[in-house]
Amino acid sequence: LRKPSLLEAFPLLKRYYADFKALP
């Protein structure tokens, strides 16, 4: 949709998303 990420408004959810994606 060429919209900014909604996670920018939710810092804990943004961190959560990154932590899960980094799981080895």
PDB file of all heavy atoms in Angstrom:
ATOM      1  N   LEU A   1       0.820  -1.220   0.000  1.00  0.00           N
ATOM      2  CA  LEU A   1       0.000   0.000   0.000  1.00  0.00           C
ATOM      3  C   LEU A   1       0.851   1.266   0.000  1.00  0.00           C
ATOM      4  O   LEU A   1       0.307   2.368  -0.022  1.00  0.00           O
ATOM      5  CB  LEU A   1      -0.914   0.011   1.232  1.00  0.00           C
ATOM      6  CG  LEU A   1      -1.950  -1.108   1.332  1.00  0.00           C
ATOM      7  CD1 LEU A   1      -2.690  -1.033   2.668  1.00  0.00           C
ATOM      8  CD2 LEU A   1      -2.942  -1.042   0.171  1.00  0.00           C
ATOM      9  N   ARG A   2       2.184   1.106   0.059  1.00  0.00           N
ATOM     10  CA  ARG A   2       3.126   2.223   0.154  1.00  0.00           C
ATOM     11  C   ARG A   2       2.850   3.064   1.403  1.00  0.00           C
ATOM     12  O   ARG A   2       2.814   4.293   1.370  1.00  0.00           O
ATOM     13  CB  ARG A   2       3.084   3.069  -1.118  1.00  0.00           C
ATOM     14  CG  ARG A   2       3.592   2.345  -2.357  1.00  0.00           C
ATOM     15  CD  ARG A   2       3.598   3.255  -3.583  1.00  0.00           C
ATOM     16  NE  ARG A   2       4.234   2.627  -4.730  1.00  0.00           N
ATOM     17  CZ  ARG A   2       3.648   1.777  -5.570  1.00  0.00           C
ATOM     18  NH1 ARG A   2       2.372   1.480  -5.383  1.00  0.00           N
ATOM     19  NH2 ARG A   2       4.310   1.232  -6.571  1.00  0.00           N
ATOM     20  N   LYS A   3       2.647   2.344   2.488  1.00  0.00           N
ATOM     21  CA  LYS A   3       2.399   2.969   3.777  1.00  0.00           C
ATOM     22  C   LYS A   3       3.553   2.657   4.728  1.00  0.00           C
ATOM     23  O   LYS A   3       4.211   1.618   4.591  1.00  0.00           O
ATOM     24  CB  LYS A   3       1.093   2.440   4.394  1.00  0.00           C
ATOM     25  CG  LYS A   3      -0.166   2.716   3.589  1.00  0.00           C
ATOM     26  CD  LYS A   3      -0.615   4.148   3.767  1.00  0.00           C
ATOM     27  CE  LYS A   3      -1.974   4.370   3.109  1.00  0.00           C
ATOM     28  NZ  LYS A   3      -2.429   5.784   3.264  1.00  0.00           N
ATOM     29  N   PRO A   4       3.797   3.525   5.713  1.00  0.00           N
ATOM     30  CA  PRO A   4       4.838   3.212   6.700  1.00  0.00           C
ATOM     31  C   PRO A   4       4.424   2.029   7.569  1.00  0.00           C
ATOM     32  O   PRO A   4       3.233   1.738   7.727  1.00  0.00           O
ATOM     33  CB  PRO A   4       4.935   4.505   7.528  1.00  0.00           C
ATOM     34  CG  PRO A   4       3.627   5.200   7.324  1.00  0.00           C
ATOM     35  CD  PRO A   4       3.183   4.842   5.941  1.00  0.00           C
ATOM     36  N   SER A   5       5.407   1.363   8.124  1.00  0.00           N
ATOM     37  CA  SER A   5       5.143   0.220   8.985  1.00  0.00           C
ATOM     38  C   SER A   5       4.316   0.628  10.195  1.00  0.00           C
ATOM     39  O   SER A   5       4.625   1.607  10.877  1.00  0.00           O
ATOM     40  CB  SER A   5       6.459  -0.398   9.462  1.00  0.00           C
ATOM     41  OG  SER A   5       6.230  -1.338  10.492  1.00  0.00           O
ATOM     42  N   LEU A   6       3.285  -0.136  10.495  1.00  0.00           N
ATOM     43  CA  LEU A   6       2.467   0.130  11.679  1.00  0.00           C
ATOM     44  C   LEU A   6       3.224  -0.172  12.968  1.00  0.00           C
ATOM     45  O   LEU A   6       2.865   0.338  14.031  1.00  0.00           O
ATOM     46  CB  LEU A   6       1.192  -0.717  11.620  1.00  0.00           C
ATOM     47  CG  LEU A   6       0.181  -0.353  10.540  1.00  0.00           C
ATOM     48  CD1 LEU A   6      -0.959  -1.362  10.522  1.00  0.00           C
ATOM     49  CD2 LEU A   6      -0.367   1.065  10.757  1.00  0.00           C
ATOM     50  N   LEU A   7       4.264  -0.977  12.890  1.00  0.00           N
ATOM     51  CA  LEU A   7       5.017  -1.336  14.098  1.00  0.00           C
ATOM     52  C   LEU A   7       5.757  -0.152  14.704  1.00  0.00           C
ATOM     53  O   LEU A   7       6.133  -0.199  15.876  1.00  0.00           O
ATOM     54  CB  LEU A   7       6.017  -2.455  13.766  1.00  0.00           C
ATOM     55  CG  LEU A   7       5.398  -3.815  13.406  1.00  0.00           C
ATOM     56  CD1 LEU A   7       6.496  -4.799  13.026  1.00  0.00           C
ATOM     57  CD2 LEU A   7       4.571  -4.345  14.565  1.00  0.00           C
ATOM     58  N   GLU A   8       5.963   0.896  13.918  1.00  0.00           N
ATOM     59  CA  GLU A   8       6.654   2.083  14.454  1.00  0.00           C
ATOM     60  C   GLU A   8       5.895   2.694  15.620  1.00  0.00           C
ATOM     61  O   GLU A   8       6.485   3.336  16.490  1.00  0.00           O
ATOM     62  CB  GLU A   8       6.855   3.122  13.347  1.00  0.00           C
ATOM     63  CG  GLU A   8       7.802   2.678  12.241  1.00  0.00           C
ATOM     64  CD  GLU A   8       9.195   2.334  12.757  1.00  0.00           C
ATOM     65  OE1 GLU A   8       9.665   3.016  13.690  1.00  0.00           O
ATOM     66  OE2 GLU A   8       9.797   1.391  12.235  1.00  0.00           O
ATOM     67  N   ALA A   9       4.589   2.501  15.657  1.00  0.00           N
ATOM     68  CA  ALA A   9       3.780   3.069  16.751  1.00  0.00           C
ATOM     69  C   ALA A   9       3.660   2.123  17.939  1.00  0.00           C
ATOM     70  O   ALA A   9       3.048   2.490  18.953  1.00  0.00           O
ATOM     71  CB  ALA A   9       2.382   3.418  16.225  1.00  0.00           C
ATOM     72  N   PHE A  10       4.268   0.945  17.823  1.00  0.00           N
ATOM     73  CA  PHE A  10       4.148  -0.056  18.883  1.00  0.00           C
ATOM     74  C   PHE A  10       5.534  -0.625  19.190  1.00  0.00           C
ATOM     75  O   PHE A  10       5.927  -1.669  18.654  1.00  0.00           O
ATOM     76  CB  PHE A  10       3.183  -1.167  18.448  1.00  0.00           C
ATOM     77  CG  PHE A  10       1.806  -0.672  18.097  1.00  0.00           C
ATOM     78  CD1 PHE A  10       1.460  -0.439  16.770  1.00  0.00           C
ATOM     79  CD2 PHE A  10       0.874  -0.411  19.092  1.00  0.00           C
ATOM     80  CE1 PHE A  10       0.195   0.033  16.442  1.00  0.00           C
ATOM     81  CE2 PHE A  10      -0.400   0.064  18.776  1.00  0.00           C
ATOM     82  CZ  PHE A  10      -0.737   0.288  17.451  1.00  0.00           C
ATOM     83  N   PRO A  11       6.300   0.055  20.044  1.00  0.00           N
ATOM     84  CA  PRO A  11       7.709  -0.319  20.258  1.00  0.00           C
ATOM     85  C   PRO A  11       7.922  -1.732  20.791  1.00  0.00           C
ATOM     86  O   PRO A  11       8.882  -2.395  20.388  1.00  0.00           O
ATOM     87  CB  PRO A  11       8.207   0.732  21.252  1.00  0.00           C
ATOM     88  CG  PRO A  11       6.977   1.317  21.868  1.00  0.00           C
ATOM     89  CD  PRO A  11       5.922   1.245  20.820  1.00  0.00           C
ATOM     90  N   LEU A  12       7.057  -2.202  21.667  1.00  0.00           N
ATOM     91  CA  LEU A  12       7.226  -3.555  22.199  1.00  0.00           C
ATOM     92  C   LEU A  12       6.943  -4.601  21.115  1.00  0.00           C
ATOM     93  O   LEU A  12       7.633  -5.616  21.010  1.00  0.00           O
ATOM     94  CB  LEU A  12       6.314  -3.784  23.399  1.00  0.00           C
ATOM     95  CG  LEU A  12       6.615  -2.947  24.638  1.00  0.00           C
ATOM     96  CD1 LEU A  12       5.637  -3.285  25.765  1.00  0.00           C
ATOM     97  CD2 LEU A  12       8.050  -3.158  25.112  1.00  0.00           C
ATOM     98  N   LEU A  13       5.933  -4.336  20.321  1.00  0.00           N
ATOM     99  CA  LEU A  13       5.596  -5.255  19.232  1.00  0.00           C
ATOM    100  C   LEU A  13       6.682  -5.225  18.153  1.00  0.00           C
ATOM    101  O   LEU A  13       7.001  -6.268  17.560  1.00  0.00           O
ATOM    102  CB  LEU A  13       4.245  -4.855  18.648  1.00  0.00           C
ATOM    103  CG  LEU A  13       3.355  -5.951  18.037  1.00  0.00           C
ATOM    104  CD1 LEU A  13       3.174  -7.125  19.001  1.00  0.00           C
ATOM    105  CD2 LEU A  13       2.015  -5.366  17.649  1.00  0.00           C
ATOM    106  N   LYS A  14       7.263  -4.073  17.919  1.00  0.00           N
ATOM    107  CA  LYS A  14       8.360  -3.959  16.959  1.00  0.00           C
ATOM    108  C   LYS A  14       9.565  -4.768  17.429  1.00  0.00           C
ATOM    109  O   LYS A  14      10.198  -5.485  16.645  1.00  0.00           O
ATOM    110  CB  LYS A  14       8.739  -2.491  16.768  1.00  0.00           C
ATOM    111  CG  LYS A  14       9.873  -2.272  15.775  1.00  0.00           C
ATOM    112  CD  LYS A  14      10.220  -0.794  15.645  1.00  0.00           C
ATOM    113  CE  LYS A  14      11.386  -0.594  14.681  1.00  0.00           C
ATOM    114  NZ  LYS A  14      11.738   0.839  14.544  1.00  0.00           N
ATOM    115  N   ARG A  15       9.897  -4.646  18.712  1.00  0.00           N
ATOM    116  CA  ARG A  15      11.009  -5.418  19.271  1.00  0.00           C
ATOM    117  C   ARG A  15      10.716  -6.909  19.204  1.00  0.00           C
ATOM    118  O   ARG A  15      11.581  -7.724  18.864  1.00  0.00           O
ATOM    119  CB  ARG A  15      11.253  -4.965  20.715  1.00  0.00           C
ATOM    120  CG  ARG A  15      12.459  -5.604  21.416  1.00  0.00           C
ATOM    121  CD  ARG A  15      12.071  -6.854  22.179  1.00  0.00           C
ATOM    122  NE  ARG A  15      10.974  -6.597  23.091  1.00  0.00           N
ATOM    123  CZ  ARG A  15      10.193  -7.552  23.575  1.00  0.00           C
ATOM    124  NH1 ARG A  15      10.354  -8.818  23.210  1.00  0.00           N
ATOM    125  NH2 ARG A  15       9.203  -7.262  24.400  1.00  0.00           N
ATOM    126  N   TYR A  16       9.478  -7.272  19.534  1.00  0.00           N
ATOM    127  CA  TYR A  16       9.034  -8.668  19.476  1.00  0.00           C
ATOM    128  C   TYR A  16       9.209  -9.232  18.072  1.00  0.00           C
ATOM    129  O   TYR A  16       9.729 -10.351  17.892  1.00  0.00           O
ATOM    130  CB  TYR A  16       7.572  -8.706  19.914  1.00  0.00           C
ATOM    131  CG  TYR A  16       6.834  -9.997  19.667  1.00  0.00           C
ATOM    132  CD1 TYR A  16       6.698 -10.944  20.682  1.00  0.00           C
ATOM    133  CD2 TYR A  16       6.230 -10.257  18.435  1.00  0.00           C
ATOM    134  CE1 TYR A  16       5.992 -12.123  20.463  1.00  0.00           C
ATOM    135  CE2 TYR A  16       5.526 -11.427  18.224  1.00  0.00           C
ATOM    136  CZ  TYR A  16       5.410 -12.356  19.239  1.00  0.00           C
ATOM    137  OH  TYR A  16       4.722 -13.515  19.023  1.00  0.00           O
ATOM    138  N   TYR A  17       8.779  -8.493  17.077  1.00  0.00           N
ATOM    139  CA  TYR A  17       8.885  -8.918  15.677  1.00  0.00           C
ATOM    140  C   TYR A  17      10.340  -9.185  15.303  1.00  0.00           C
ATOM    141  O   TYR A  17      10.666 -10.206  14.665  1.00  0.00           O
ATOM    142  CB  TYR A  17       8.279  -7.836  14.785  1.00  0.00           C
ATOM    143  CG  TYR A  17       8.405  -8.078  13.298  1.00  0.00           C
ATOM    144  CD1 TYR A  17       7.569  -8.971  12.635  1.00  0.00           C
ATOM    145  CD2 TYR A  17       9.367  -7.397  12.545  1.00  0.00           C
ATOM    146  CE1 TYR A  17       7.673  -9.182  11.264  1.00  0.00           C
ATOM    147  CE2 TYR A  17       9.479  -7.601  11.176  1.00  0.00           C
ATOM    148  CZ  TYR A  17       8.636  -8.490  10.544  1.00  0.00           C
ATOM    149  OH  TYR A  17       8.748  -8.698   9.192  1.00  0.00           O
ATOM    150  N   ALA A  18      11.230  -8.294  15.715  1.00  0.00           N
ATOM    151  CA  ALA A  18      12.654  -8.443  15.397  1.00  0.00           C
ATOM    152  C   ALA A  18      13.278  -9.612  16.154  1.00  0.00           C
ATOM    153  O   ALA A  18      14.079 -10.367  15.593  1.00  0.00           O
ATOM    154  CB  ALA A  18      13.392  -7.145  15.727  1.00  0.00           C
ATOM    155  N   ASP A  19      12.914  -9.778  17.416  1.00  0.00           N
ATOM    156  CA  ASP A  19      13.485 -10.870  18.219  1.00  0.00           C
ATOM    157  C   ASP A  19      13.097 -12.230  17.657  1.00  0.00           C
ATOM    158  O   ASP A  19      13.911 -13.152  17.607  1.00  0.00           O
ATOM    159  CB  ASP A  19      13.009 -10.768  19.674  1.00  0.00           C
ATOM    160  CG  ASP A  19      13.693  -9.653  20.445  1.00  0.00           C
ATOM    161  OD1 ASP A  19      14.688  -9.105  19.939  1.00  0.00           O
ATOM    162  OD2 ASP A  19      13.221  -9.335  21.554  1.00  0.00           O
ATOM    163  N   PHE A  20      11.848 -12.362  17.241  1.00  0.00           N
ATOM    164  CA  PHE A  20      11.410 -13.640  16.681  1.00  0.00           C
ATOM    165  C   PHE A  20      12.123 -13.913  15.356  1.00  0.00           C
ATOM    166  O   PHE A  20      12.590 -15.039  15.112  1.00  0.00           O
ATOM    167  CB  PHE A  20       9.892 -13.636  16.478  1.00  0.00           C
ATOM    168  CG  PHE A  20       9.320 -14.966  16.089  1.00  0.00           C
ATOM    169  CD1 PHE A  20       8.781 -15.816  17.045  1.00  0.00           C
ATOM    170  CD2 PHE A  20       9.314 -15.382  14.763  1.00  0.00           C
ATOM    171  CE1 PHE A  20       8.260 -17.059  16.694  1.00  0.00           C
ATOM    172  CE2 PHE A  20       8.794 -16.618  14.398  1.00  0.00           C
ATOM    173  CZ  PHE A  20       8.266 -17.456  15.368  1.00  0.00           C
ATOM    174  N   LYS A  21      12.237 -12.899  14.534  1.00  0.00           N
ATOM    175  CA  LYS A  21      12.869 -13.085  13.225  1.00  0.00           C
ATOM    176  C   LYS A  21      14.347 -13.440  13.352  1.00  0.00           C
ATOM    177  O   LYS A  21      14.923 -14.043  12.446  1.00  0.00           O
ATOM    178  CB  LYS A  21      12.707 -11.820  12.378  1.00  0.00           C
ATOM    179  CG  LYS A  21      13.054 -12.029  10.914  1.00  0.00           C
ATOM    180  CD  LYS A  21      12.683 -10.831  10.062  1.00  0.00           C
ATOM    181  CE  LYS A  21      12.925 -11.114   8.580  1.00  0.00           C
ATOM    182  NZ  LYS A  21      12.527  -9.963   7.729  1.00  0.00           N
ATOM    183  N   ALA A  22      14.953 -13.100  14.479  1.00  0.00           N
ATOM    184  CA  ALA A  22      16.373 -13.384  14.694  1.00  0.00           C
ATOM    185  C   ALA A  22      16.631 -14.760  15.301  1.00  0.00           C
ATOM    186  O   ALA A  22      17.789 -15.133  15.499  1.00  0.00           O
ATOM    187  CB  ALA A  22      16.978 -12.307  15.593  1.00  0.00           C
ATOM    188  N   LEU A  23      15.587 -15.522  15.608  1.00  0.00           N
ATOM    189  CA  LEU A  23      15.779 -16.834  16.225  1.00  0.00           C
ATOM    190  C   LEU A  23      16.648 -17.717  15.328  1.00  0.00           C
ATOM    191  O   LEU A  23      16.323 -17.926  14.154  1.00  0.00           O
ATOM    192  CB  LEU A  23      14.427 -17.510  16.454  1.00  0.00           C
ATOM    193  CG  LEU A  23      13.547 -16.913  17.546  1.00  0.00           C
ATOM    194  CD1 LEU A  23      12.130 -17.486  17.467  1.00  0.00           C
ATOM    195  CD2 LEU A  23      14.147 -17.169  18.928  1.00  0.00           C
ATOM    196  N   PRO A  24      17.746 -18.249  15.857  1.00  0.00           N
ATOM    197  CA  PRO A  24      18.638 -19.051  15.014  1.00  0.00           C
ATOM    198  C   PRO A  24      17.984 -20.305  14.454  1.00  0.00           C
ATOM    199  O   PRO A  24      18.330 -20.748  13.353  1.00  0.00           O
ATOM    200  CB  PRO A  24      19.803 -19.395  15.956  1.00  0.00           C
ATOM    201  CG  PRO A  24      19.279 -19.175  17.339  1.00  0.00           C
ATOM    202  CD  PRO A  24      18.264 -18.087  17.230  1.00  0.00           C
TER     203      PRO A  24
END
